[in-house]
Amino acid sequence: MKLLNFLVPDEANPQFGVVINRTVLSFTALQRRFECNFPELDDIDAYLEAFPRSENIARDLVEKAHNKDWDLVPEERLPLAKVKILPPVPRPPALIDFAHAPQHMLNSGLTLVKHEKSWPVSAVIGAIIRRDYSKNRHSADFKCYKGNHNAIIGDGDTTSWPSFTSYLDVEAELWVVVGQSSKMSEEGRF
């Protein structure tokens, strides 16, 4: 299931829904259509708080819509290209970034030195980075740092280049939402 937070053009309030075949269905519209009310689907925060029960409810609603042969009015079926995709979790309580790929860390360090320092300083610092990498590349330790959880943006949003920065390391990220495992295990998911 592809969940998303989104804005409809000319509306101020974000919506929470699902993408199916490049069509966006809001859970509000699906609940209105099937005359039900599940607070677990009000927004992503409620969904995550009630997980995995909320996932089952969401899947049931989507299946119900599918069984009705998607007999939804145009206002209930929005083309993905017509909505503004918002951050998946707009207000995470924390953002921890793990450096799981040592080769990436080596490449990032060398690239930073290349852009920030001139020769011969860059050659000396690069040699130190390579030496430390070769000594520690088999280390099982995860390196992590706390990211700015207030800097989450959505698809197509513009991020500012901080004035104190002369080089940015642009990279893809993978999100993992961590919740209360004891609650999940009680419901038989883990």
Protein backbone atom coordinates (compact mmCIF):
# COMPACT_ATOMS: atom_id res chain seq x y z
CA MET A 1 0.00 0.00 0.00
CA LYS A 2 1.37 3.40 -0.98
CA LEU A 3 0.29 5.91 1.65
CA LEU A 4 0.75 9.63 1.30
CA ASN A 5 -0.02 13.02 2.75
CA PHE A 6 -1.15 15.47 0.11
CA LEU A 7 -2.81 18.77 -0.69
CA VAL A 8 -5.56 19.21 -3.25
CA PRO A 9 -5.25 22.41 -5.33
CA ASP A 10 -7.08 25.37 -3.76
CA GLU A 11 -7.47 23.59 -0.40
CA ALA A 12 -5.51 24.46 2.74
CA ASN A 13 -5.92 21.29 4.79
CA PRO A 14 -3.63 18.32 4.16
CA GLN A 15 -5.24 14.96 3.48
CA PHE A 16 -4.12 11.40 4.13
CA GLY A 17 -4.71 8.70 1.57
CA VAL A 18 -3.46 5.97 -0.68
CA VAL A 19 -2.13 5.82 -4.25
CA ILE A 20 -3.51 3.16 -6.57
CA ASN A 21 -2.60 3.12 -10.26
CA ARG A 22 -1.43 6.76 -10.15
CA THR A 23 -4.77 7.75 -8.60
CA VAL A 24 -5.02 9.24 -5.11
CA LEU A 25 -7.89 8.26 -2.82
CA SER A 26 -8.24 10.07 0.48
CA PHE A 27 -9.28 7.97 3.44
CA THR A 28 -11.78 10.69 4.31
CA ALA A 29 -13.52 10.25 0.94
CA LEU A 30 -13.47 6.44 1.23
CA GLN A 31 -14.96 6.57 4.73
CA ARG A 32 -17.64 8.99 3.58
CA ARG A 33 -18.42 6.71 0.63
CA PHE A 34 -18.74 3.60 2.80
CA GLU A 35 -20.38 5.44 5.72
CA CYS A 36 -17.80 4.58 8.34
CA ASN A 37 -15.55 6.51 10.69
CA PHE A 38 -12.08 5.37 11.70
CA PRO A 39 -10.07 8.00 13.60
CA GLU A 40 -7.02 5.80 12.92
CA LEU A 41 -7.12 7.12 9.34
CA ASP A 42 -7.45 10.83 10.16
CA ASP A 43 -3.77 11.46 9.43
CA ILE A 44 -0.40 9.72 9.37
CA ASP A 45 0.18 10.32 13.09
CA ALA A 46 -3.08 8.56 14.02
CA TYR A 47 -2.28 5.80 11.53
CA LEU A 48 1.17 5.16 13.02
CA GLU A 49 -0.16 5.32 16.58
CA ALA A 50 -2.76 2.64 15.83
CA PHE A 51 -0.52 0.44 13.66
CA PRO A 52 -1.00 -2.46 12.76
CA ARG A 53 -4.76 -2.19 13.34
CA SER A 54 -4.86 0.94 11.15
CA GLU A 55 -3.15 -0.90 8.31
CA ASN A 56 -5.83 -3.58 8.36
CA ILE A 57 -8.59 -0.96 8.34
CA ALA A 58 -6.94 0.90 5.45
CA ARG A 59 -6.51 -2.30 3.43
CA ASP A 60 -10.15 -3.26 4.05
CA LEU A 61 -11.35 0.14 2.80
CA VAL A 62 -9.19 -0.07 -0.31
CA GLU A 63 -10.41 -3.61 -0.97
CA LYS A 64 -14.01 -2.49 -0.52
CA ALA A 65 -13.48 0.28 -3.07
CA HIS A 66 -11.89 -2.23 -5.45
CA ASN A 67 -14.82 -4.64 -5.06
CA LYS A 68 -17.20 -1.81 -5.93
CA ASP A 69 -15.26 -1.60 -9.20
CA TRP A 70 -13.91 1.80 -8.17
CA ASP A 71 -17.34 3.34 -8.57
CA LEU A 72 -16.12 6.64 -7.17
CA VAL A 73 -16.99 10.14 -8.34
CA PRO A 74 -14.16 12.22 -9.90
CA GLU A 75 -13.74 14.28 -6.71
CA GLU A 76 -12.92 11.05 -4.84
CA ARG A 77 -10.34 9.90 -7.43
CA LEU A 78 -7.57 12.42 -7.88
CA PRO A 79 -4.81 12.03 -10.48
CA LEU A 80 -1.46 11.79 -8.69
CA ALA A 81 -0.05 14.54 -10.92
CA LYS A 82 -2.74 16.97 -9.68
CA VAL A 83 -1.95 16.77 -5.95
CA LYS A 84 0.96 18.20 -4.00
CA ILE A 85 2.77 15.42 -2.16
CA LEU A 86 3.69 16.42 1.38
CA PRO A 87 6.34 14.89 3.66
CA PRO A 88 5.47 11.28 4.56
CA VAL A 89 5.82 11.96 8.29
CA PRO A 90 5.57 15.74 8.67
CA ARG A 91 6.43 15.98 12.37
CA PRO A 92 8.73 13.11 13.35
CA PRO A 93 9.83 13.33 16.99
CA ALA A 94 13.42 12.53 15.99
CA LEU A 95 15.57 11.91 12.95
CA ILE A 96 18.58 9.64 13.40
CA ASP A 97 20.81 9.13 10.36
CA PHE A 98 22.97 5.99 10.26
CA ALA A 99 26.12 5.76 8.17
CA HIS A 100 25.68 2.13 7.15
CA ALA A 101 27.87 2.22 4.03
CA PRO A 102 31.55 2.84 4.92
CA GLN A 103 32.50 3.26 1.24
CA HIS A 104 29.99 6.11 1.01
CA MET A 105 31.56 7.76 4.04
CA LEU A 106 35.01 7.50 2.41
CA ASN A 107 33.73 8.97 -0.85
CA SER A 108 31.91 11.79 0.94
CA GLY A 109 35.00 12.71 2.94
CA LEU A 110 37.25 12.71 -0.12
CA THR A 111 34.77 14.76 -2.14
CA LEU A 112 34.43 17.29 0.68
CA VAL A 113 38.21 17.69 0.91
CA LYS A 114 38.47 18.05 -2.86
CA HIS A 115 35.98 20.94 -2.84
CA GLU A 116 37.14 22.66 0.34
CA LYS A 117 40.93 22.41 0.39
CA SER A 118 43.58 23.11 -2.20
CA TRP A 119 46.65 21.02 -2.93
CA PRO A 120 48.84 20.02 -1.00
CA VAL A 121 46.51 20.23 2.04
CA SER A 122 43.83 18.22 0.22
CA ALA A 123 46.36 15.45 -0.57
CA VAL A 124 47.45 15.17 3.08
CA ILE A 125 43.88 15.14 4.45
CA GLY A 126 42.81 12.68 1.72
CA ALA A 127 45.65 10.32 2.71
CA ILE A 128 44.56 10.48 6.36
CA ILE A 129 40.95 9.74 5.42
CA ARG A 130 42.02 6.75 3.26
CA ARG A 131 44.27 5.42 6.04
CA ASP A 132 41.50 5.65 8.66
CA TYR A 133 39.03 4.05 6.27
CA SER A 134 41.32 1.09 5.54
CA LYS A 135 41.87 0.53 9.29
CA ASN A 136 38.16 0.69 10.19
CA ARG A 137 36.32 -0.56 7.10
CA HIS A 138 35.52 -3.94 8.65
CA SER A 139 34.21 -2.42 11.85
CA ALA A 140 30.68 -3.55 12.70
CA ASP A 141 29.93 -0.28 14.49
CA PHE A 142 27.13 1.83 13.10
CA LYS A 143 27.92 5.49 12.98
CA CYS A 144 24.99 7.78 13.50
CA TYR A 145 24.13 11.38 14.09
CA LYS A 146 20.98 13.27 14.95
CA GLY A 147 19.46 15.00 11.94
CA ASN A 148 17.19 18.03 11.98
CA HIS A 149 13.70 16.57 12.30
CA ASN A 150 12.25 20.02 11.53
CA ALA A 151 13.81 20.02 8.06
CA ILE A 152 11.56 17.39 6.45
CA ILE A 153 10.15 18.52 3.10
CA GLY A 154 7.81 17.02 0.53
CA ASP A 155 8.15 16.02 -3.09
CA GLY A 156 9.09 18.96 -5.30
CA ASP A 157 9.73 21.31 -2.37
CA THR A 158 12.75 23.55 -2.47
CA THR A 159 15.28 23.36 0.30
CA SER A 160 17.53 26.26 1.19
CA TRP A 161 21.27 26.03 0.77
CA PRO A 162 22.57 27.15 4.18
CA SER A 163 24.70 30.28 3.99
CA PHE A 164 27.51 28.61 5.96
CA THR A 165 27.74 25.72 3.45
CA SER A 166 29.89 25.66 0.33
CA TYR A 167 29.21 22.04 -0.69
CA LEU A 168 26.22 19.71 -0.29
CA ASP A 169 26.33 15.93 -0.36
CA VAL A 170 23.08 15.03 -2.14
CA GLU A 171 21.95 11.46 -1.60
CA ALA A 172 18.89 9.26 -1.49
CA GLU A 173 17.60 8.28 1.92
CA LEU A 174 15.55 5.36 3.20
CA TRP A 175 13.08 6.01 6.00
CA VAL A 176 12.29 3.49 8.68
CA VAL A 177 9.52 4.32 11.12
CA VAL A 178 10.22 2.82 14.52
CA GLY A 179 7.36 2.38 16.97
CA GLN A 180 6.51 0.55 20.13
CA SER A 181 7.50 -3.05 19.45
CA SER A 182 5.69 -4.29 22.57
CA LYS A 183 2.39 -2.93 21.23
CA MET A 184 3.05 -4.50 17.84
CA SER A 185 3.98 -7.86 19.29
CA GLU A 186 0.80 -7.94 21.39
CA GLU A 187 -1.16 -7.77 18.17
CA GLY A 188 0.84 -10.58 16.60
CA ARG A 189 2.87 -8.64 14.06
CA PHE A 190 6.41 -9.21 15.38
